C-alpha cells in the first residue's frame, strides 16, 4: 500500500493505493493517528487506488473514526471502488462512515 498526503483546498486527504491488509494496516494506523493527535477535521480518505481491504484495514478505520469522534472530528471516505463498497455495505459500515463520490462532494458537506 502507498499513502500520499495531499492538501486539497485546505483539507487533508490521504490518497491510498494498493492493498490495505494486515501487513500495511500498521503504517495506515500510524498515519491516521498522526492526524488524530493534531485534531485534524475533516480528514478525507481517497480510496480510488485501493484494490483490496481486509478486516485489519477496516478495524484501523473504525479506530480512527472513534478517535476522531472524541474531539468532534470527521473522517470522510471518497471514491470507494465497487468491490470495497460491497464489503462496507455487508458489514453495515456504509451507515457508520461518511461516504462521498468525489473530493469536491466531501468538501462541500
Protein backbone atom coordinates (compact mmCIF):
# COMPACT_ATOMS: atom_id res chain seq x y z
CA UNK A 1 0.00 0.00 0.00
CA UNK A 2 1.11 3.52 -0.75
CA UNK A 3 -0.03 6.51 1.33
CA UNK A 4 0.19 10.00 -0.08
CA UNK A 5 -0.91 13.03 1.94
CA UNK A 6 -2.43 15.72 -0.25
CA UNK A 7 -3.73 19.16 0.66
CA UNK A 8 -6.88 19.95 -1.31
CA UNK A 9 -8.32 23.43 -0.74
CA UNK A 10 -7.05 23.38 2.84
CA UNK A 11 -8.40 19.89 3.55
CA UNK A 12 -6.05 16.97 4.26
CA UNK A 13 -6.55 13.96 2.02
CA UNK A 14 -4.98 10.54 2.49
CA UNK A 15 -4.71 9.17 -1.04
CA UNK A 16 -4.29 5.40 -0.74
CA UNK A 17 -3.31 2.85 -3.36
CA UNK A 18 -2.73 -0.87 -3.35
CA UNK A 19 -3.86 -3.40 -0.74
CA UNK A 20 -4.88 -2.47 2.80
CA UNK A 21 -4.18 -5.63 4.76
CA UNK A 22 -2.60 -6.92 7.95
CA UNK A 23 0.85 -6.00 6.60
CA UNK A 24 0.05 -2.42 5.63
CA UNK A 25 -2.51 -1.56 8.33
CA UNK A 26 0.14 -0.59 10.94
CA UNK A 27 1.50 2.08 8.58
CA UNK A 28 -2.02 3.30 7.87
CA UNK A 29 -2.80 3.41 11.59
CA UNK A 30 0.35 5.43 12.27
CA UNK A 31 -0.64 7.98 9.62
CA UNK A 32 -4.25 8.19 10.83
CA UNK A 33 -3.22 8.63 14.45
CA UNK A 34 -0.83 11.41 13.42
CA UNK A 35 -3.83 13.39 12.18
CA UNK A 36 -5.94 12.39 15.18
CA UNK A 37 -3.32 13.76 17.56
CA UNK A 38 -3.30 17.01 15.59
CA UNK A 39 -7.12 17.02 15.76
CA UNK A 40 -7.45 17.42 12.01
CA UNK A 41 -11.03 17.64 10.77
CA UNK A 42 -12.25 16.76 8.32
CA UNK A 43 -9.82 14.13 7.12
CA UNK A 44 -10.62 12.64 3.73
CA UNK A 45 -9.51 9.17 2.67
CA UNK A 46 -9.33 8.69 -1.08
CA UNK A 47 -9.89 5.02 -1.95
CA UNK A 48 -9.72 5.35 -5.75
CA UNK A 49 -6.40 3.49 -5.91
CA UNK A 50 -7.25 0.79 -3.36
CA UNK A 51 -7.61 -2.71 -4.78
CA UNK A 52 -8.28 -4.70 -1.59
CA UNK A 53 -9.08 -4.24 2.10
CA UNK A 54 -9.25 -6.88 4.82
CA UNK A 55 -10.63 -6.84 8.36
CA UNK A 56 -7.46 -5.32 9.81
CA UNK A 57 -7.79 -2.38 7.44
CA UNK A 58 -11.43 -1.91 8.32
CA UNK A 59 -10.58 -2.10 12.04
CA UNK A 60 -7.94 0.60 11.53
CA UNK A 61 -10.53 2.95 10.06
CA UNK A 62 -13.06 2.16 12.79
CA UNK A 63 -10.40 3.01 15.40
CA UNK A 64 -9.55 6.22 13.56
CA UNK A 65 -13.19 7.27 13.36
CA UNK A 66 -13.78 6.51 17.02
CA UNK A 67 -10.71 8.55 17.99
CA UNK A 68 -11.80 11.46 15.81
CA UNK A 69 -15.30 11.45 17.25
CA UNK A 70 -13.70 12.09 20.64
CA UNK A 71 -12.90 15.65 19.54
CA UNK A 72 -15.78 16.15 17.11
CA UNK A 73 -13.69 15.33 14.05
CA UNK A 74 -14.96 13.89 10.79
CA UNK A 75 -13.46 11.06 8.75
CA UNK A 76 -14.82 11.00 5.20
CA UNK A 77 -14.31 8.31 2.57
CA UNK A 78 -14.08 9.24 -1.11
CA UNK A 79 -14.14 7.25 -4.36
CA UNK A 80 -14.64 3.78 -2.95
CA UNK A 81 -14.36 1.03 -5.62
CA UNK A 82 -17.41 -1.21 -6.00
CA UNK A 83 -15.76 -4.33 -4.52
CA UNK A 84 -14.73 -2.45 -1.38
CA UNK A 85 -18.13 -0.75 -1.13
CA UNK A 86 -19.75 -4.20 -1.13
CA UNK A 87 -17.66 -5.16 1.90
CA UNK A 88 -18.57 -1.95 3.76
CA UNK A 89 -22.26 -2.45 2.96
CA UNK A 90 -22.17 -6.09 4.04
CA UNK A 91 -20.70 -5.02 7.39
CA UNK A 92 -23.21 -2.13 7.53
CA UNK A 93 -20.29 0.29 7.79
CA UNK A 94 -21.78 2.36 4.97
CA UNK A 95 -24.10 3.62 7.73
CA UNK A 96 -21.19 4.49 10.02
CA UNK A 97 -18.76 6.26 7.70
CA UNK A 98 -19.47 9.35 5.63
CA UNK A 99 -19.01 8.23 2.02
CA UNK A 100 -18.78 10.55 -0.99
CA UNK A 101 -18.25 10.07 -4.71
CA UNK A 102 -15.67 12.84 -5.04
CA UNK A 103 -13.36 15.04 -3.03
CA UNK A 104 -15.42 18.09 -4.03
CA UNK A 105 -18.61 16.47 -2.68
CA UNK A 106 -16.87 15.61 0.60
CA UNK A 107 -15.54 19.15 0.99
CA UNK A 108 -18.99 20.67 0.42
CA UNK A 109 -20.64 18.57 3.16
